[in-house]
Amino acid sequence: MIKNGTVVSLNYELKNGAGEMIDQNQPGEPFSYIHGIGQIVPGLEKALEGANVGDKKDVVVPPEEGYGEKKEELVFKVERSNFPADKDLQPGMQFMAEMKDGRQVPFTIQKIEGEDVHIDGNHPLAGETLHFSVEVTAVREASQEEMEHGHVHGPGGHQH
């Protein structure tokens, strides 16, 4: 049964509110995570609590239990000179920026107007209601090493 500290493997499909496919695992390659340590969105993690191998669920996750609401303060423009001069910037490109406190934050280029580059620091799925279809394929206790490292190890140990 799925509970905190178990490694969960599942087949999944993720669609947006319009029914468009956003993501899915590769056939024969279930997605695995450690339950209870925040590796998946909170709404899906809550819905999977107590599920067993073979269970199938359709789960609707509102933005506040997914990637959060879109924050307008994370949408702004910066000068082109803040980017490497040899980089051909295009809308949709993603990059990492270092904040003043040293954190690395991902941003996406929305548009380019002359020397102004409009960027968005929200997660691409912020503000979206997420529609998951999942099938639990395996559940086991996480090893002490997996818990210490904070991620699942594959057969034979580390798979970094």
N, C-alpha and C. Protein backbone atom coordinates (compact mmCIF):
# COMPACT_ATOMS: atom_id res chain seq x y z
N MET A 1 0.84 -1.18 0.00
CA MET A 1 0.00 0.00 0.00
C MET A 1 0.89 1.25 0.00
N ILE A 2 0.46 2.28 -0.72
CA ILE A 2 1.24 3.52 -0.80
C ILE A 2 1.11 4.30 0.51
N LYS A 3 2.28 4.60 1.09
CA LYS A 3 2.35 5.43 2.29
C LYS A 3 3.71 6.12 2.27
N ASN A 4 3.91 7.05 3.19
CA ASN A 4 5.18 7.77 3.24
C ASN A 4 6.33 6.78 3.35
N GLY A 5 7.38 7.03 2.59
CA GLY A 5 8.57 6.18 2.63
C GLY A 5 8.52 4.99 1.70
N THR A 6 7.50 4.92 0.83
CA THR A 6 7.46 3.83 -0.15
C THR A 6 7.89 4.37 -1.52
N VAL A 7 8.52 3.49 -2.29
CA VAL A 7 8.83 3.80 -3.68
C VAL A 7 7.62 3.35 -4.49
N VAL A 8 7.06 4.29 -5.23
CA VAL A 8 5.87 4.03 -6.04
C VAL A 8 6.26 4.12 -7.51
N SER A 9 5.83 3.12 -8.28
CA SER A 9 6.02 3.15 -9.73
C SER A 9 4.64 3.21 -10.37
N LEU A 10 4.49 4.08 -11.35
CA LEU A 10 3.19 4.19 -11.99
C LEU A 10 3.30 4.58 -13.45
N ASN A 11 2.29 4.15 -14.19
CA ASN A 11 2.08 4.63 -15.55
C ASN A 11 1.16 5.84 -15.41
N TYR A 12 1.44 6.89 -16.19
CA TYR A 12 0.59 8.07 -16.05
C TYR A 12 0.44 8.80 -17.38
N GLU A 13 -0.64 9.52 -17.47
CA GLU A 13 -0.87 10.49 -18.52
C GLU A 13 -1.28 11.77 -17.82
N LEU A 14 -0.79 12.90 -18.32
CA LEU A 14 -1.16 14.20 -17.78
C LEU A 14 -1.73 15.04 -18.90
N LYS A 15 -2.95 15.54 -18.70
CA LYS A 15 -3.61 16.39 -19.69
C LYS A 15 -4.00 17.71 -19.04
N ASN A 16 -4.14 18.74 -19.88
CA ASN A 16 -4.61 20.02 -19.37
C ASN A 16 -6.13 20.05 -19.39
N GLY A 17 -6.71 21.18 -19.02
CA GLY A 17 -8.15 21.31 -18.96
C GLY A 17 -8.84 21.13 -20.30
N ALA A 18 -8.12 21.37 -21.40
CA ALA A 18 -8.69 21.22 -22.74
C ALA A 18 -8.57 19.78 -23.24
N GLY A 19 -7.99 18.91 -22.41
CA GLY A 19 -7.83 17.51 -22.80
C GLY A 19 -6.60 17.22 -23.64
N GLU A 20 -5.70 18.21 -23.76
CA GLU A 20 -4.47 18.02 -24.54
C GLU A 20 -3.42 17.32 -23.69
N MET A 21 -2.73 16.34 -24.30
CA MET A 21 -1.68 15.60 -23.61
C MET A 21 -0.51 16.53 -23.32
N ILE A 22 -0.10 16.58 -22.06
CA ILE A 22 1.05 17.38 -21.66
C ILE A 22 2.26 16.49 -21.45
N ASP A 23 2.05 15.33 -20.83
CA ASP A 23 3.17 14.45 -20.50
C ASP A 23 2.64 13.04 -20.25
N GLN A 24 3.52 12.07 -20.40
CA GLN A 24 3.21 10.68 -20.06
C GLN A 24 4.51 9.91 -19.96
N ASN A 25 4.46 8.81 -19.23
CA ASN A 25 5.65 7.97 -19.15
C ASN A 25 5.79 7.19 -20.46
N GLN A 26 7.01 6.74 -20.72
CA GLN A 26 7.26 5.92 -21.90
C GLN A 26 6.68 4.53 -21.67
N PRO A 27 6.11 3.91 -22.69
CA PRO A 27 5.58 2.54 -22.51
C PRO A 27 6.66 1.61 -21.96
N GLY A 28 6.30 0.85 -20.95
CA GLY A 28 7.24 -0.10 -20.35
C GLY A 28 8.25 0.54 -19.41
N GLU A 29 8.17 1.86 -19.20
CA GLU A 29 9.09 2.56 -18.31
C GLU A 29 8.29 3.39 -17.30
N PRO A 30 7.72 2.75 -16.29
CA PRO A 30 6.93 3.48 -15.30
C PRO A 30 7.76 4.57 -14.62
N PHE A 31 7.08 5.61 -14.19
CA PHE A 31 7.68 6.70 -13.42
C PHE A 31 7.74 6.25 -11.96
N SER A 32 8.88 6.45 -11.30
CA SER A 32 9.04 6.06 -9.90
C SER A 32 9.43 7.26 -9.05
N TYR A 33 8.90 7.29 -7.85
CA TYR A 33 9.21 8.37 -6.91
C TYR A 33 9.08 7.83 -5.49
N ILE A 34 9.61 8.60 -4.52
CA ILE A 34 9.46 8.24 -3.11
C ILE A 34 8.27 9.03 -2.57
N HIS A 35 7.28 8.32 -2.07
CA HIS A 35 6.05 8.95 -1.58
C HIS A 35 6.30 9.68 -0.26
N GLY A 36 5.76 10.89 -0.17
CA GLY A 36 5.80 11.64 1.07
C GLY A 36 6.94 12.63 1.21
N ILE A 37 7.79 12.77 0.18
CA ILE A 37 8.90 13.72 0.31
C ILE A 37 8.82 14.84 -0.73
N GLY A 38 7.65 15.02 -1.33
CA GLY A 38 7.43 16.16 -2.22
C GLY A 38 8.00 16.03 -3.61
N GLN A 39 8.13 14.83 -4.14
CA GLN A 39 8.68 14.65 -5.48
C GLN A 39 7.63 14.78 -6.58
N ILE A 40 6.36 14.75 -6.22
CA ILE A 40 5.29 14.97 -7.18
C ILE A 40 4.37 16.06 -6.61
N VAL A 41 3.47 16.58 -7.44
CA VAL A 41 2.60 17.66 -6.96
C VAL A 41 1.75 17.16 -5.79
N PRO A 42 1.51 18.04 -4.81
CA PRO A 42 0.79 17.63 -3.60
C PRO A 42 -0.58 17.00 -3.85
N GLY A 43 -1.33 17.52 -4.79
CA GLY A 43 -2.66 16.99 -5.04
C GLY A 43 -2.66 15.55 -5.51
N LEU A 44 -1.68 15.20 -6.36
CA LEU A 44 -1.58 13.82 -6.83
C LEU A 44 -1.07 12.92 -5.70
N GLU A 45 -0.11 13.41 -4.95
CA GLU A 45 0.43 12.61 -3.84
C GLU A 45 -0.67 12.26 -2.84
N LYS A 46 -1.51 13.24 -2.49
CA LYS A 46 -2.63 12.99 -1.56
C LYS A 46 -3.58 11.94 -2.12
N ALA A 47 -3.89 12.05 -3.41
CA ALA A 47 -4.85 11.13 -4.03
C ALA A 47 -4.32 9.70 -4.09
N LEU A 48 -3.00 9.54 -4.13
CA LEU A 48 -2.41 8.20 -4.22
C LEU A 48 -2.22 7.53 -2.86
N GLU A 49 -2.28 8.30 -1.80
CA GLU A 49 -2.11 7.75 -0.44
C GLU A 49 -3.09 6.59 -0.25
N GLY A 50 -2.57 5.43 0.15
CA GLY A 50 -3.41 4.26 0.44
C GLY A 50 -3.72 3.39 -0.77
N ALA A 51 -3.30 3.80 -1.96
CA ALA A 51 -3.57 2.99 -3.16
C ALA A 51 -2.66 1.76 -3.16
N ASN A 52 -3.04 0.77 -3.96
CA ASN A 52 -2.29 -0.49 -4.06
C ASN A 52 -1.92 -0.77 -5.51
N VAL A 53 -1.01 -1.72 -5.69
CA VAL A 53 -0.62 -2.16 -7.03
C VAL A 53 -1.87 -2.58 -7.80
N GLY A 54 -1.97 -2.10 -9.02
CA GLY A 54 -3.11 -2.42 -9.88
C GLY A 54 -4.20 -1.37 -9.85
N ASP A 55 -4.19 -0.50 -8.84
CA ASP A 55 -5.21 0.55 -8.76
C ASP A 55 -5.02 1.54 -9.91
N LYS A 56 -6.15 1.97 -10.46
CA LYS A 56 -6.16 3.00 -11.51
C LYS A 56 -7.00 4.15 -10.99
N LYS A 57 -6.53 5.37 -11.23
CA LYS A 57 -7.24 6.55 -10.74
C LYS A 57 -7.16 7.67 -11.77
N ASP A 58 -8.24 8.43 -11.85
CA ASP A 58 -8.26 9.69 -12.57
C ASP A 58 -8.30 10.76 -11.50
N VAL A 59 -7.33 11.66 -11.53
CA VAL A 59 -7.18 12.66 -10.47
C VAL A 59 -7.13 14.05 -11.10
N VAL A 60 -7.99 14.94 -10.63
CA VAL A 60 -7.98 16.34 -11.06
C VAL A 60 -7.30 17.15 -9.95
N VAL A 61 -6.23 17.86 -10.33
CA VAL A 61 -5.45 18.62 -9.37
C VAL A 61 -5.59 20.11 -9.70
N PRO A 62 -6.20 20.89 -8.78
CA PRO A 62 -6.32 22.33 -9.02
C PRO A 62 -4.94 23.00 -8.89
N PRO A 63 -4.79 24.21 -9.45
CA PRO A 63 -3.48 24.88 -9.41
C PRO A 63 -2.87 24.97 -8.02
N GLU A 64 -3.67 25.24 -7.00
CA GLU A 64 -3.10 25.41 -5.66
C GLU A 64 -2.54 24.11 -5.10
N GLU A 65 -2.89 22.97 -5.66
CA GLU A 65 -2.32 21.68 -5.24
C GLU A 65 -1.41 21.10 -6.31
N GLY A 66 -1.15 21.92 -7.35
CA GLY A 66 -0.27 21.51 -8.44
C GLY A 66 0.97 22.39 -8.45
N TYR A 67 1.07 23.23 -9.47
CA TYR A 67 2.24 24.10 -9.61
C TYR A 67 1.95 25.53 -9.18
N GLY A 68 0.83 25.73 -8.48
CA GLY A 68 0.50 27.05 -7.96
C GLY A 68 -0.18 27.94 -8.99
N GLU A 69 -0.66 29.06 -8.50
CA GLU A 69 -1.26 30.06 -9.37
C GLU A 69 -0.13 30.83 -10.06
N LYS A 70 -0.43 31.39 -11.21
CA LYS A 70 0.54 32.19 -11.93
C LYS A 70 0.78 33.48 -11.14
N LYS A 71 2.04 33.83 -10.92
CA LYS A 71 2.41 35.04 -10.18
C LYS A 71 2.92 36.08 -11.16
N GLU A 72 2.17 37.17 -11.27
CA GLU A 72 2.52 38.21 -12.25
C GLU A 72 3.87 38.87 -11.94
N GLU A 73 4.28 38.86 -10.66
CA GLU A 73 5.57 39.47 -10.33
C GLU A 73 6.75 38.68 -10.89
N LEU A 74 6.51 37.46 -11.37
CA LEU A 74 7.56 36.66 -11.99
C LEU A 74 7.60 36.82 -13.51
N VAL A 75 6.77 37.73 -14.02
CA VAL A 75 6.75 38.04 -15.46
C VAL A 75 7.27 39.47 -15.61
N PHE A 76 8.40 39.62 -16.29
CA PHE A 76 8.98 40.95 -16.44
C PHE A 76 9.91 40.98 -17.64
N LYS A 77 10.50 42.14 -17.89
CA LYS A 77 11.43 42.25 -19.02
C LYS A 77 12.81 42.64 -18.53
N VAL A 78 13.79 42.14 -19.25
CA VAL A 78 15.19 42.45 -18.97
C VAL A 78 15.85 42.86 -20.29
N GLU A 79 16.99 43.48 -20.19
CA GLU A 79 17.71 43.90 -21.40
C GLU A 79 18.43 42.73 -22.03
N ARG A 80 18.51 42.76 -23.34
CA ARG A 80 19.19 41.72 -24.13
C ARG A 80 20.63 41.52 -23.66
N SER A 81 21.25 42.59 -23.15
CA SER A 81 22.65 42.52 -22.72
C SER A 81 22.86 41.59 -21.53
N ASN A 82 21.79 41.16 -20.88
CA ASN A 82 21.90 40.21 -19.76
C ASN A 82 22.12 38.78 -20.22
N PHE A 83 22.07 38.54 -21.51
CA PHE A 83 22.23 37.20 -22.08
C PHE A 83 23.55 37.12 -22.85
N PRO A 84 24.08 35.91 -23.02
CA PRO A 84 25.30 35.78 -23.81
C PRO A 84 25.09 36.36 -25.22
N ALA A 85 26.05 37.16 -25.67
CA ALA A 85 25.94 37.85 -26.95
C ALA A 85 25.81 36.88 -28.13
N ASP A 86 26.42 35.69 -28.01
CA ASP A 86 26.41 34.74 -29.13
C ASP A 86 25.18 33.83 -29.13
N LYS A 87 24.26 34.03 -28.19
CA LYS A 87 23.07 33.18 -28.08
C LYS A 87 21.94 33.76 -28.93
N ASP A 88 21.39 32.93 -29.83
CA ASP A 88 20.25 33.33 -30.66
C ASP A 88 18.98 33.10 -29.85
N LEU A 89 18.50 34.14 -29.19
CA LEU A 89 17.35 34.02 -28.31
C LEU A 89 16.06 33.86 -29.10
N GLN A 90 15.21 32.95 -28.64
CA GLN A 90 13.93 32.68 -29.28
C GLN A 90 12.86 32.51 -28.21
N PRO A 91 11.62 32.93 -28.50
CA PRO A 91 10.53 32.66 -27.55
C PRO A 91 10.42 31.15 -27.27
N GLY A 92 10.15 30.83 -26.00
CA GLY A 92 10.04 29.43 -25.60
C GLY A 92 11.32 28.86 -25.03
N MET A 93 12.45 29.53 -25.27
CA MET A 93 13.72 29.04 -24.72
C MET A 93 13.68 29.16 -23.20
N GLN A 94 14.28 28.18 -22.54
CA GLN A 94 14.36 28.20 -21.08
C GLN A 94 15.81 28.32 -20.67
N PHE A 95 16.04 28.97 -19.55
CA PHE A 95 17.39 29.13 -19.04
C PHE A 95 17.32 29.27 -17.53
N MET A 96 18.46 29.18 -16.89
CA MET A 96 18.55 29.32 -15.44
C MET A 96 19.18 30.68 -15.14
N ALA A 97 18.65 31.33 -14.11
CA ALA A 97 19.21 32.61 -13.66
C ALA A 97 19.54 32.47 -12.18
N GLU A 98 20.65 33.07 -11.80
CA GLU A 98 21.03 33.04 -10.40
C GLU A 98 20.50 34.28 -9.71
N MET A 99 19.75 34.07 -8.64
CA MET A 99 19.18 35.17 -7.88
C MET A 99 20.23 35.72 -6.92
N LYS A 100 19.93 36.88 -6.34
CA LYS A 100 20.89 37.52 -5.43
C LYS A 100 21.25 36.64 -4.25
N ASP A 101 20.30 35.75 -3.83
CA ASP A 101 20.57 34.87 -2.69
C ASP A 101 21.26 33.57 -3.10
N GLY A 102 21.63 33.46 -4.39
CA GLY A 102 22.36 32.30 -4.88
C GLY A 102 21.50 31.18 -5.44
N ARG A 103 20.16 31.28 -5.26
CA ARG A 103 19.27 30.25 -5.80
C ARG A 103 19.27 30.28 -7.32
N GLN A 104 19.14 29.11 -7.93
CA GLN A 104 19.00 28.98 -9.37
C GLN A 104 17.51 28.89 -9.69
N VAL A 105 17.01 29.76 -10.57
CA VAL A 105 15.59 29.81 -10.89
C VAL A 105 15.42 29.69 -12.41
N PRO A 106 14.54 28.77 -12.86
CA PRO A 106 14.31 28.65 -14.31
C PRO A 106 13.39 29.76 -14.82
N PHE A 107 13.69 30.26 -16.00
CA PHE A 107 12.87 31.26 -16.68
C PHE A 107 12.62 30.82 -18.10
N THR A 108 11.50 31.29 -18.68
CA THR A 108 11.17 31.02 -20.08
C THR A 108 11.04 32.36 -20.80
N ILE A 109 11.63 32.45 -21.99
CA ILE A 109 11.49 33.67 -22.81
C ILE A 109 10.09 33.65 -23.43
N GLN A 110 9.33 34.73 -23.19
CA GLN A 110 8.01 34.85 -23.78
C GLN A 110 8.06 35.51 -25.15
N LYS A 111 8.75 36.66 -25.21
CA LYS A 111 8.88 37.37 -26.48
C LYS A 111 10.07 38.30 -26.41
N ILE A 112 10.49 38.77 -27.58
CA ILE A 112 11.63 39.68 -27.70
C ILE A 112 11.17 40.88 -28.50
N GLU A 113 11.37 42.07 -27.93
CA GLU A 113 11.02 43.32 -28.60
C GLU A 113 12.24 44.22 -28.58
N GLY A 114 12.93 44.30 -29.71
CA GLY A 114 14.15 45.09 -29.77
C GLY A 114 15.17 44.58 -28.78
N GLU A 115 15.56 45.44 -27.82
CA GLU A 115 16.53 45.05 -26.80
C GLU A 115 15.85 44.54 -25.53
N ASP A 116 14.52 44.48 -25.53
CA ASP A 116 13.78 43.98 -24.37
C ASP A 116 13.44 42.51 -24.55
N VAL A 117 13.79 41.71 -23.54
CA VAL A 117 13.46 40.29 -23.53
C VAL A 117 12.45 40.08 -22.41
N HIS A 118 11.25 39.65 -22.78
CA HIS A 118 10.18 39.40 -21.81
C HIS A 118 10.32 37.96 -21.31
N ILE A 119 10.44 37.80 -19.99
CA ILE A 119 10.66 36.47 -19.42
C ILE A 119 9.59 36.16 -18.37
N ASP A 120 9.42 34.86 -18.11
CA ASP A 120 8.43 34.38 -17.15
C ASP A 120 9.09 33.35 -16.26
N GLY A 121 9.11 33.62 -14.95
CA GLY A 121 9.72 32.72 -13.97
C GLY A 121 8.74 31.74 -13.36
N ASN A 122 7.48 31.76 -13.81
CA ASN A 122 6.50 30.78 -13.33
C ASN A 122 6.78 29.42 -13.94
N HIS A 123 6.40 28.36 -13.22
CA HIS A 123 6.45 27.03 -13.82
C HIS A 123 5.53 27.05 -15.03
N PRO A 124 5.90 26.38 -16.13
CA PRO A 124 5.04 26.38 -17.33
C PRO A 124 3.61 25.92 -17.06
N LEU A 125 3.38 25.13 -16.01
CA LEU A 125 2.03 24.64 -15.71
C LEU A 125 1.37 25.41 -14.56
N ALA A 126 1.97 26.53 -14.13
CA ALA A 126 1.35 27.35 -13.09
C ALA A 126 0.00 27.84 -13.60
N GLY A 127 -0.99 27.80 -12.73
CA GLY A 127 -2.32 28.26 -13.08
C GLY A 127 -3.18 27.23 -13.79
N GLU A 128 -2.60 26.08 -14.14
CA GLU A 128 -3.33 25.03 -14.87
C GLU A 128 -3.97 24.03 -13.91
N THR A 129 -5.16 23.58 -14.26
CA THR A 129 -5.77 22.45 -13.58
C THR A 129 -5.24 21.21 -14.29
N LEU A 130 -4.66 20.29 -13.55
CA LEU A 130 -3.99 19.11 -14.10
C LEU A 130 -4.91 17.91 -14.03
N HIS A 131 -4.96 17.13 -15.11
CA HIS A 131 -5.80 15.93 -15.17
C HIS A 131 -4.89 14.73 -15.36
N PHE A 132 -4.72 13.95 -14.29
CA PHE A 132 -3.87 12.76 -14.31
C PHE A 132 -4.73 11.51 -14.45
N SER A 133 -4.25 10.58 -15.26
CA SER A 133 -4.76 9.20 -15.27
C SER A 133 -3.56 8.35 -14.89
N VAL A 134 -3.67 7.61 -13.79
CA VAL A 134 -2.54 6.85 -13.29
C VAL A 134 -2.92 5.40 -13.03
N GLU A 135 -1.92 4.54 -13.14
CA GLU A 135 -2.05 3.13 -12.77
C GLU A 135 -0.83 2.77 -11.95
N VAL A 136 -1.06 2.30 -10.73
CA VAL A 136 0.04 1.92 -9.84
C VAL A 136 0.57 0.57 -10.30
N THR A 137 1.87 0.51 -10.63
CA THR A 137 2.46 -0.74 -11.13
C THR A 137 3.32 -1.45 -10.09
N ALA A 138 3.81 -0.71 -9.09
CA ALA A 138 4.64 -1.33 -8.04
C ALA A 138 4.70 -0.41 -6.83
N VAL A 139 4.82 -1.03 -5.66
CA VAL A 139 5.01 -0.30 -4.40
C VAL A 139 5.96 -1.13 -3.55
N ARG A 140 6.98 -0.49 -3.00
CA ARG A 140 7.91 -1.17 -2.10
C ARG A 140 8.44 -0.16 -1.10
N GLU A 141 8.98 -0.65 -0.01
CA GLU A 141 9.62 0.23 0.97
C GLU A 141 10.87 0.83 0.34
N ALA A 142 11.09 2.11 0.55
CA ALA A 142 12.34 2.75 0.09
C ALA A 142 13.49 2.26 0.97
N SER A 143 14.65 2.10 0.35
CA SER A 143 15.82 1.71 1.14
C SER A 143 16.30 2.91 1.96
N GLN A 144 17.09 2.63 2.97
CA GLN A 144 17.66 3.70 3.79
C GLN A 144 18.48 4.64 2.91
N GLU A 145 19.25 4.05 1.99
CA GLU A 145 20.08 4.86 1.10
C GLU A 145 19.23 5.76 0.20
N GLU A 146 18.12 5.23 -0.31
CA GLU A 146 17.23 6.05 -1.14
C GLU A 146 16.66 7.21 -0.33
N MET A 147 16.27 6.95 0.90
CA MET A 147 15.72 8.01 1.76
C MET A 147 16.79 9.06 2.06
N GLU A 148 18.01 8.60 2.33
CA GLU A 148 19.10 9.55 2.60
C GLU A 148 19.41 10.40 1.38
N HIS A 149 19.39 9.79 0.19
CA HIS A 149 19.71 10.50 -1.05
C HIS A 149 18.52 11.30 -1.59
N GLY A 150 17.31 10.93 -1.17
CA GLY A 150 16.13 11.66 -1.60
C GLY A 150 15.64 11.34 -3.00
N HIS A 151 16.04 10.18 -3.51
CA HIS A 151 15.57 9.74 -4.83
C HIS A 151 15.63 8.23 -4.95
N VAL A 152 14.90 7.72 -5.95
CA VAL A 152 14.83 6.28 -6.19
C VAL A 152 16.10 5.81 -6.89
N HIS A 153 16.61 4.68 -6.46
CA HIS A 153 17.72 4.02 -7.14
C HIS A 153 17.16 2.87 -7.96
N GLY A 154 17.72 2.66 -9.13
CA GLY A 154 17.25 1.56 -9.98
C GLY A 154 17.88 0.25 -9.60
N PRO A 155 17.60 -0.78 -10.39
CA PRO A 155 18.21 -2.09 -10.11
C PRO A 155 19.73 -1.98 -10.07
N GLY A 156 20.33 -2.52 -9.04
CA GLY A 156 21.78 -2.50 -8.93
C GLY A 156 22.32 -1.24 -8.27
N GLY A 157 21.47 -0.32 -7.83
CA GLY A 157 21.98 0.84 -7.10
C GLY A 157 21.71 2.15 -7.80
N HIS A 158 22.68 3.08 -7.71
CA HIS A 158 22.53 4.44 -8.23
C HIS A 158 22.24 4.46 -9.70
N GLN A 159 21.39 5.39 -10.10
CA GLN A 159 21.16 5.66 -11.51
C GLN A 159 21.10 7.17 -11.66
N HIS A 160 22.21 7.83 -11.38
CA HIS A 160 22.27 9.30 -11.42
C HIS A 160 22.54 9.73 -12.84
